[in-house]
């Protein structure tokens, strides 16, 4: 049984660049992530509108090798525009050929590459994990188009997405529109969303750099992507085969499918009275904004601890620190632990996947930013020229507002 990964755009592919070395350390002989060949082949598709980043990643080899048939690139970027990324420019074959450097649109070639991976899955396809950024044109637009195509092609398979919100001071003046439209597509099509904020990733990377805990020489996109990989690995590499449906337990209802992921290294207890449970809570406290107001904050959570076995009382104490659970949730936290440490991070590690009311905060900020810019009608002609007009924006605004309201009233 195998999982297929779909990395879209520069950011999505660079997340894959950080993730696959760790997956290879954890699963060198497993067919759930790698096709058995002379060099193990990641079950991954690398897609970008420009070839430079993808070619660099595909050419690198650290005990494994990407399948050349699983690389789909074009010759021209998407101008930081969701509409251009989604449509590929125009519907006429000549226009597509001029933009993508091929007779077929880029998403068609990417979907064909995915079909090859799915057909080669060992014992069956267990689901798809996508990664892309919401701020640029390729990740947001092409990522949303591929999300739509994958949902249509594999309607019954779990579809989990790891999107990244752009830095708030980003250089793309249209990124708020891209985020708005992308979030709307995610709500309609994904089974679960593991939402990252680049601002938070940068702050955590800077804090690790200052404390000397970072494995990188400076704060960079590579260090930020390394945090994402570190968060994901404990959930993707259980003792048995990875099953994405287990991660989707944090999306108990379809109207609230946005979750966030945090991880930390657990230091040994500093004094005799400190239990391993207290050590885990202390580690998470440095990463997650733990709060103890008991106002029904958690909808669902999945906590994985590797390298520790004695965790009595962790469920109760963790739930209390996170602000308690919503009234309708009878079993809010799925706790899994193993004394076996991860190979990629040998020290004890805890990772928590949280679907909580706090996720409404970045969604509300994205909605407000898009509202402010939309009221001035700035840059809208770039979207209208590719078929995205007032109705599309009105639907996206309504979808995002509904998500926020649903979380606030949970």
Protein backbone atom coordinates (compact mmCIF):
# COMPACT_ATOMS: atom_id res chain seq x y z
CA UNK A 1 0.00 0.00 0.00
CA UNK A 2 1.51 3.32 -1.07
CA UNK A 3 1.10 7.08 -0.79
CA UNK A 4 1.75 9.43 -3.71
CA UNK A 5 3.20 12.92 -3.14
CA UNK A 6 2.51 15.86 -5.44
CA UNK A 7 4.87 18.85 -5.06
CA UNK A 8 3.72 21.93 -7.01
CA UNK A 9 5.57 25.17 -7.70
CA UNK A 10 8.92 26.29 -6.36
CA UNK A 11 7.82 26.23 -2.71
CA UNK A 12 6.07 22.86 -2.99
CA UNK A 13 9.06 21.26 -4.70
CA UNK A 14 11.47 22.70 -2.13
CA UNK A 15 9.31 21.22 0.64
CA UNK A 16 9.79 17.91 -1.17
CA UNK A 17 13.53 18.57 -1.31
CA UNK A 18 13.56 18.83 2.50
CA UNK A 19 11.15 15.95 3.07
CA UNK A 20 12.53 13.11 0.92
CA UNK A 21 15.99 12.76 2.52
CA UNK A 22 14.24 12.27 5.89
CA UNK A 23 11.72 9.83 4.38
CA UNK A 24 14.61 7.88 2.89
CA UNK A 25 16.28 7.64 6.29
CA UNK A 26 13.04 6.40 7.86
CA UNK A 27 11.82 4.15 5.03
CA UNK A 28 14.84 3.03 2.96
CA UNK A 29 13.40 -0.37 2.08
CA UNK A 30 9.67 0.36 2.29
CA UNK A 31 7.41 0.39 -0.76
CA UNK A 32 4.84 2.73 0.81
CA UNK A 33 6.95 5.73 -0.26
CA UNK A 34 9.58 4.32 -2.65
CA UNK A 35 9.36 2.20 -5.79
CA UNK A 36 11.99 -0.57 -5.61
CA UNK A 37 14.55 -0.04 -8.39
CA UNK A 38 18.33 0.04 -8.68
CA UNK A 39 18.06 3.24 -6.68
CA UNK A 40 14.81 3.59 -4.69
CA UNK A 41 12.46 5.95 -6.52
CA UNK A 42 10.26 8.38 -4.52
CA UNK A 43 6.57 8.07 -5.29
CA UNK A 44 6.48 11.79 -6.02
CA UNK A 45 5.65 14.15 -8.86
CA UNK A 46 7.59 17.42 -9.16
CA UNK A 47 5.68 20.17 -11.02
CA UNK A 48 6.70 23.76 -11.73
CA UNK A 49 6.10 26.33 -14.45
CA UNK A 50 9.84 26.95 -14.64
CA UNK A 51 12.39 24.12 -14.84
CA UNK A 52 15.36 25.41 -12.81
CA UNK A 53 14.35 24.35 -9.28
CA UNK A 54 12.79 21.05 -10.33
CA UNK A 55 15.78 20.04 -12.44
CA UNK A 56 18.12 20.73 -9.53
CA UNK A 57 16.03 18.61 -7.15
CA UNK A 58 15.52 15.79 -9.66
CA UNK A 59 19.25 15.67 -10.43
CA UNK A 60 20.28 15.31 -6.78
CA UNK A 61 20.75 11.79 -5.48
CA UNK A 62 21.32 10.74 -1.90
CA UNK A 63 20.65 7.03 -2.12
CA UNK A 64 17.45 7.50 -4.11
CA UNK A 65 16.54 8.92 -7.52
CA UNK A 66 13.43 10.67 -8.85
CA UNK A 67 11.78 9.11 -11.90
CA UNK A 68 12.31 11.44 -14.90
CA UNK A 69 8.75 10.61 -16.00
CA UNK A 70 7.50 12.15 -12.76
CA UNK A 71 8.83 15.62 -13.57
CA UNK A 72 6.56 18.13 -15.31
CA UNK A 73 7.85 21.61 -16.14
CA UNK A 74 7.15 24.48 -18.53
CA UNK A 75 9.20 27.36 -19.89
CA UNK A 76 7.37 30.36 -18.43
CA UNK A 77 6.23 31.34 -14.94
CA UNK A 78 2.70 32.33 -13.98
CA UNK A 79 3.32 35.97 -13.12
CA UNK A 80 2.22 35.69 -9.49
CA UNK A 81 -1.36 35.34 -10.76
CA UNK A 82 -3.77 32.59 -9.63
CA UNK A 83 -5.87 32.98 -12.78
CA UNK A 84 -2.90 32.55 -15.10
CA UNK A 85 -1.69 29.54 -13.13
CA UNK A 86 -5.15 27.96 -13.14
CA UNK A 87 -5.96 28.48 -16.82
CA UNK A 88 -2.47 28.21 -18.27
CA UNK A 89 -3.12 31.41 -20.21
CA UNK A 90 -5.83 30.62 -22.73
CA UNK A 91 -7.78 27.59 -23.88
CA UNK A 92 -6.47 27.55 -27.45
CA UNK A 93 -3.77 24.96 -28.23
CA UNK A 94 -1.41 27.54 -29.73
CA UNK A 95 -1.54 29.72 -26.62
CA UNK A 96 -0.94 26.77 -24.32
CA UNK A 97 1.99 25.66 -26.45
CA UNK A 98 3.54 29.14 -26.32
CA UNK A 99 3.22 29.34 -22.55
CA UNK A 100 4.09 25.77 -21.55
CA UNK A 101 6.46 24.86 -24.38
CA UNK A 102 4.36 21.77 -25.18
CA UNK A 103 1.17 20.78 -26.95
CA UNK A 104 -0.49 19.77 -23.66
CA UNK A 105 -1.16 22.04 -20.67
CA UNK A 106 1.19 21.60 -17.76
CA UNK A 107 -1.52 20.19 -15.48
CA UNK A 108 -2.32 17.48 -18.06
CA UNK A 109 1.29 16.35 -18.13
CA UNK A 110 1.42 16.44 -14.33
CA UNK A 111 -1.75 14.34 -14.06
CA UNK A 112 -0.35 11.82 -16.56
CA UNK A 113 2.78 11.54 -14.41
CA UNK A 114 0.60 10.99 -11.38
CA UNK A 115 -1.33 8.22 -13.10
CA UNK A 116 1.95 6.40 -13.72
CA UNK A 117 2.80 6.67 -10.02
CA UNK A 118 -0.65 5.53 -8.89
CA UNK A 119 -0.61 2.54 -11.24
CA UNK A 120 2.79 1.55 -9.87
CA UNK A 121 1.69 1.71 -6.21
CA UNK A 122 2.62 -1.42 -4.32
CA UNK A 123 -0.61 -3.13 -3.26
CA UNK A 124 -2.79 -0.10 -4.00
CA UNK A 125 -3.01 3.66 -3.70
CA UNK A 126 -3.61 4.87 -0.12
CA UNK A 127 -4.00 8.55 -0.95
CA UNK A 128 -2.23 11.72 -2.08
CA UNK A 129 -0.32 14.37 -0.15
CA UNK A 130 0.07 17.71 -1.97
CA UNK A 131 2.30 20.65 -1.05
CA UNK A 132 2.37 24.15 -2.51
CA UNK A 133 2.46 27.85 -1.63
CA UNK A 134 -0.68 29.99 -1.73
CA UNK A 135 1.00 33.28 -2.60
CA UNK A 136 2.43 32.84 -6.10
CA UNK A 137 0.79 32.06 -9.40
CA UNK A 138 2.08 28.53 -9.94
CA UNK A 139 1.45 27.18 -6.46
CA UNK A 140 -1.92 28.83 -5.97
CA UNK A 141 -3.35 28.59 -9.48
CA UNK A 142 -1.74 25.47 -10.89
CA UNK A 143 -1.91 23.84 -7.46
CA UNK A 144 -5.65 24.48 -7.30
CA UNK A 145 -6.13 23.19 -10.85
CA UNK A 146 -4.26 19.99 -10.00
CA UNK A 147 -6.23 19.67 -6.76
CA UNK A 148 -9.37 19.74 -8.89
CA UNK A 149 -8.01 17.25 -11.42
CA UNK A 150 -6.78 14.80 -8.76
CA UNK A 151 -10.11 14.98 -6.93
CA UNK A 152 -11.93 14.12 -10.17
CA UNK A 153 -9.53 11.32 -11.09
CA UNK A 154 -9.42 9.71 -7.62
CA UNK A 155 -12.65 10.75 -5.86
CA UNK A 156 -12.51 8.07 -3.16
CA UNK A 157 -8.85 8.39 -2.21
CA UNK A 158 -7.78 10.56 0.76
CA UNK A 159 -6.47 13.93 -0.42
CA UNK A 160 -4.39 15.82 2.14
CA UNK A 161 -2.81 19.19 1.33
CA UNK A 162 0.05 21.07 3.01
CA UNK A 163 -0.30 24.67 1.77
CA UNK A 164 1.84 27.59 2.95
CA UNK A 165 0.52 31.11 3.48
CA UNK A 166 2.93 33.77 2.14
CA UNK A 167 4.97 36.13 4.27
CA UNK A 168 2.73 39.09 5.13
CA UNK A 169 5.31 41.55 3.78
CA UNK A 170 5.73 39.56 0.57
CA UNK A 171 6.75 41.24 -2.68
CA UNK A 172 3.79 39.98 -4.76
CA UNK A 173 1.08 42.69 -4.61
CA UNK A 174 -1.54 40.16 -5.78
CA UNK A 175 -0.80 37.47 -3.20
CA UNK A 176 -3.90 38.30 -1.12
CA UNK A 177 -6.12 37.44 -4.11
CA UNK A 178 -4.17 34.24 -4.73
CA UNK A 179 -4.58 33.21 -1.10
CA UNK A 180 -8.31 33.97 -1.12
CA UNK A 181 -9.01 31.90 -4.23
CA UNK A 182 -6.72 29.04 -3.15
CA UNK A 183 -8.39 28.71 0.27
CA UNK A 184 -11.76 28.51 -1.45
CA UNK A 185 -10.55 25.64 -3.65
CA UNK A 186 -9.06 23.86 -0.64
CA UNK A 187 -12.33 24.04 1.27
CA UNK A 188 -14.27 22.61 -1.67
CA UNK A 189 -11.88 19.85 -2.76
CA UNK A 190 -9.40 18.72 -0.06
CA UNK A 191 -10.23 16.17 2.64
CA UNK A 192 -7.81 17.79 5.05
CA UNK A 193 -5.58 20.89 5.08
CA UNK A 194 -2.37 21.24 7.14
CA UNK A 195 -2.01 25.00 6.99
CA UNK A 196 1.39 26.67 7.47
CA UNK A 197 2.17 30.37 7.91
CA UNK A 198 5.48 31.57 6.51
CA UNK A 199 5.62 34.31 9.14
CA UNK A 200 5.50 31.69 11.91
CA UNK A 201 8.00 29.44 10.14
CA UNK A 202 10.43 32.33 9.80
CA UNK A 203 10.05 33.32 13.46
CA UNK A 204 10.66 29.73 14.59
CA UNK A 205 13.65 29.38 12.28
CA UNK A 206 15.14 32.63 13.63
CA UNK A 207 14.59 31.47 17.22
CA UNK A 208 16.32 28.16 16.52
CA UNK A 209 19.17 29.97 14.83
CA UNK A 210 19.61 32.26 17.83
CA UNK A 211 19.61 29.33 20.27
CA UNK A 212 21.99 27.25 18.17
CA UNK A 213 19.39 24.52 17.70
CA UNK A 214 19.15 24.98 13.94
CA UNK A 215 21.11 22.74 11.61
CA UNK A 216 21.44 25.60 9.13
CA UNK A 217 23.97 28.42 8.99
CA UNK A 218 21.26 31.07 8.72
CA UNK A 219 17.52 31.55 8.53
CA UNK A 220 16.47 30.63 5.00
CA UNK A 221 13.75 28.98 2.97
CA UNK A 222 15.69 25.73 3.39
CA UNK A 223 15.59 26.02 7.19
CA UNK A 224 11.85 26.84 7.08
CA UNK A 225 11.13 23.88 4.80
CA UNK A 226 13.20 21.73 7.15
CA UNK A 227 10.76 22.60 9.94
CA UNK A 228 7.82 21.42 7.80
CA UNK A 229 9.58 18.14 7.05
CA UNK A 230 10.41 17.69 10.74
CA UNK A 231 6.76 18.24 11.67
CA UNK A 232 5.46 15.76 9.11
CA UNK A 233 7.86 12.86 9.57
CA UNK A 234 6.50 11.52 12.92
CA UNK A 235 3.00 11.32 11.40
CA UNK A 236 4.09 9.92 8.04
CA UNK A 237 6.38 7.25 9.49
CA UNK A 238 4.52 5.14 12.05
CA UNK A 239 5.69 1.64 12.93
CA UNK A 240 3.49 0.29 10.15
CA UNK A 241 2.54 1.57 6.67
CA UNK A 242 1.49 5.22 6.45
CA UNK A 243 -2.26 5.66 6.01
CA UNK A 244 -3.36 9.23 5.29
CA UNK A 245 -6.87 8.46 6.51
CA UNK A 246 -5.42 8.31 10.04
CA UNK A 247 -4.20 11.89 9.73
CA UNK A 248 -7.65 12.90 8.50
CA UNK A 249 -9.04 12.02 11.92
CA UNK A 250 -8.30 15.68 12.79
CA UNK A 251 -10.94 16.77 10.24
CA UNK A 252 -14.03 15.30 11.94
CA UNK A 253 -16.46 17.40 9.89
CA UNK A 254 -16.13 18.64 6.32
CA UNK A 255 -16.86 22.26 7.21
CA UNK A 256 -13.81 22.40 9.51
CA UNK A 257 -10.87 20.73 7.80
CA UNK A 258 -8.07 23.24 8.45
CA UNK A 259 -5.42 22.07 10.93
CA UNK A 260 -1.91 23.14 11.93
CA UNK A 261 1.17 21.07 12.68
CA UNK A 262 3.85 21.69 15.33
CA UNK A 263 6.81 19.65 16.57
CA UNK A 264 9.66 19.95 19.04
CA UNK A 265 12.54 18.01 20.50
CA UNK A 266 11.96 16.79 24.05
CA UNK A 267 14.82 17.32 26.48
CA UNK A 268 15.33 14.82 29.34
CA UNK A 269 13.64 15.82 32.63
CA UNK A 270 15.77 18.51 34.31
CA UNK A 271 14.97 17.50 37.87
CA UNK A 272 13.69 14.42 39.68
CA UNK A 273 10.10 15.60 40.09
CA UNK A 274 9.66 16.43 36.40
CA UNK A 275 7.88 13.57 34.60
CA UNK A 276 8.23 12.73 30.94
CA UNK A 277 4.75 14.13 30.44
CA UNK A 278 5.89 17.49 31.86
CA UNK A 279 8.94 17.39 29.59
CA UNK A 280 6.72 16.87 26.53
CA UNK A 281 4.43 19.73 27.55
CA UNK A 282 7.42 22.01 28.11
CA UNK A 283 8.76 21.18 24.65
CA UNK A 284 5.42 21.89 22.97
CA UNK A 285 5.05 25.09 24.97
CA UNK A 286 8.03 26.55 23.12
CA UNK A 287 6.36 25.92 19.76
CA UNK A 288 2.60 25.97 20.27
CA UNK A 289 0.85 28.88 21.96
CA UNK A 290 -0.53 26.80 24.84
CA UNK A 291 -3.32 28.43 26.77
CA UNK A 292 -5.39 27.32 29.76
CA UNK A 293 -8.64 29.21 29.55
CA UNK A 294 -10.83 26.15 29.07
CA UNK A 295 -12.96 27.83 26.40
CA UNK A 296 -13.41 24.84 24.08
CA UNK A 297 -10.51 25.50 21.73
CA UNK A 298 -9.71 22.04 20.30
CA UNK A 299 -11.85 20.28 17.70
CA UNK A 300 -9.49 17.34 17.18
CA UNK A 301 -5.81 16.59 17.63
CA UNK A 302 -3.27 13.88 16.87
CA UNK A 303 -0.12 13.76 18.99
CA UNK A 304 2.82 11.49 18.14
CA UNK A 305 5.79 11.02 20.49
CA UNK A 306 8.87 9.07 19.39
CA UNK A 307 11.60 7.94 21.76
CA UNK A 308 9.45 7.86 24.92
CA UNK A 309 7.09 5.29 26.38
CA UNK A 310 5.89 6.58 29.77
CA UNK A 311 3.35 9.30 29.03
CA UNK A 312 0.70 8.88 31.70
CA UNK A 313 -1.72 11.77 31.88
CA UNK A 314 -0.46 13.48 28.70
CA UNK A 315 -3.86 13.50 26.99
CA UNK A 316 -5.57 15.21 29.91
CA UNK A 317 -2.85 17.75 30.61
CA UNK A 318 -2.28 18.58 26.94
CA UNK A 319 -5.98 19.14 26.34
CA UNK A 320 -6.18 21.41 29.38
CA UNK A 321 -3.17 23.44 28.24
CA UNK A 322 -4.69 23.87 24.76
CA UNK A 323 -7.86 25.39 26.16
CA UNK A 324 -10.13 22.37 26.39
CA UNK A 325 -12.30 20.75 23.75
CA UNK A 326 -15.48 21.81 21.98
CA UNK A 327 -18.59 20.43 23.68
CA UNK A 328 -19.58 18.04 20.88
CA UNK A 329 -16.20 16.24 20.65
CA UNK A 330 -16.14 13.04 22.79
CA UNK A 331 -12.61 11.91 21.84
CA UNK A 332 -10.54 14.99 20.99
CA UNK A 333 -6.95 13.65 21.06
CA UNK A 334 -5.44 10.60 19.40
CA UNK A 335 -2.18 9.93 21.25
CA UNK A 336 0.44 7.64 19.74
CA UNK A 337 3.89 6.98 21.15
CA UNK A 338 6.79 4.64 20.57
CA UNK A 339 10.07 4.07 22.43
CA UNK A 340 11.74 3.78 19.01
CA UNK A 341 13.33 7.10 18.05
CA UNK A 342 13.26 8.42 14.50
CA UNK A 343 16.38 7.90 12.39
CA UNK A 344 16.18 11.36 10.84
CA UNK A 345 15.90 13.05 14.27
CA UNK A 346 17.47 10.63 16.79
CA UNK A 347 16.53 12.72 19.81
CA UNK A 348 13.10 12.31 21.34
CA UNK A 349 10.54 14.18 19.25
CA UNK A 350 6.91 15.17 19.73
CA UNK A 351 4.63 16.35 16.91
CA UNK A 352 1.04 17.50 17.30
CA UNK A 353 -1.52 17.96 14.54
CA UNK A 354 -4.15 20.44 15.75
CA UNK A 355 -7.55 21.35 14.41
CA UNK A 356 -8.42 24.22 16.74
CA UNK A 357 -10.24 27.53 16.79
CA UNK A 358 -6.95 29.40 16.56
CA UNK A 359 -6.72 28.46 12.86
CA UNK A 360 -9.44 31.05 12.18
CA UNK A 361 -6.89 33.81 12.96
CA UNK A 362 -4.73 33.49 9.80
CA UNK A 363 -7.85 32.81 7.73
CA UNK A 364 -9.46 36.00 9.03
CA UNK A 365 -6.31 38.00 8.29
CA UNK A 366 -6.26 36.61 4.73
CA UNK A 367 -9.93 37.56 4.28
CA UNK A 368 -9.37 41.10 5.57
CA UNK A 369 -6.32 41.71 3.37
CA UNK A 370 -8.19 40.53 0.27
CA UNK A 371 -11.23 42.68 1.19
CA UNK A 372 -9.11 45.82 1.52
CA UNK A 373 -7.43 45.34 -1.84
CA UNK A 374 -10.59 44.19 -3.62
CA UNK A 375 -12.47 47.32 -2.50
CA UNK A 376 -9.96 49.40 -4.46
CA UNK A 377 -10.19 47.02 -7.46
CA UNK A 378 -6.41 46.98 -7.70
CA UNK A 379 -4.98 44.44 -10.17
CA UNK A 380 -8.38 42.83 -10.84
CA UNK A 381 -7.97 43.27 -14.59
CA UNK A 382 -5.16 40.70 -14.50
CA UNK A 383 -7.65 38.13 -13.24
CA UNK A 384 -10.52 39.21 -15.45
CA UNK A 385 -8.33 38.82 -18.54
CA UNK A 386 -8.02 35.10 -17.73
CA UNK A 387 -11.69 34.52 -16.94
CA UNK A 388 -11.88 35.23 -13.20
CA UNK A 389 -14.43 37.96 -12.56
CA UNK A 390 -16.70 39.35 -9.86
CA UNK A 391 -18.71 36.13 -9.42
CA UNK A 392 -15.59 34.07 -8.76
CA UNK A 393 -14.33 36.52 -6.16
CA UNK A 394 -17.75 36.82 -4.51
CA UNK A 395 -17.95 33.03 -4.16
CA UNK A 396 -14.41 32.86 -2.73
CA UNK A 397 -15.13 35.63 -0.21
CA UNK A 398 -18.32 33.88 0.87
CA UNK A 399 -16.57 30.51 1.23
CA UNK A 400 -13.76 31.92 3.37
CA UNK A 401 -16.17 33.95 5.51
CA UNK A 402 -18.23 30.80 6.13
CA UNK A 403 -15.14 28.86 7.22
CA UNK A 404 -14.19 31.59 9.71
CA UNK A 405 -17.73 31.85 11.10
CA UNK A 406 -17.95 28.07 11.48
CA UNK A 407 -14.72 27.93 13.49
CA UNK A 408 -15.69 30.90 15.65
CA UNK A 409 -19.01 29.30 16.57
CA UNK A 410 -17.73 25.72 17.01
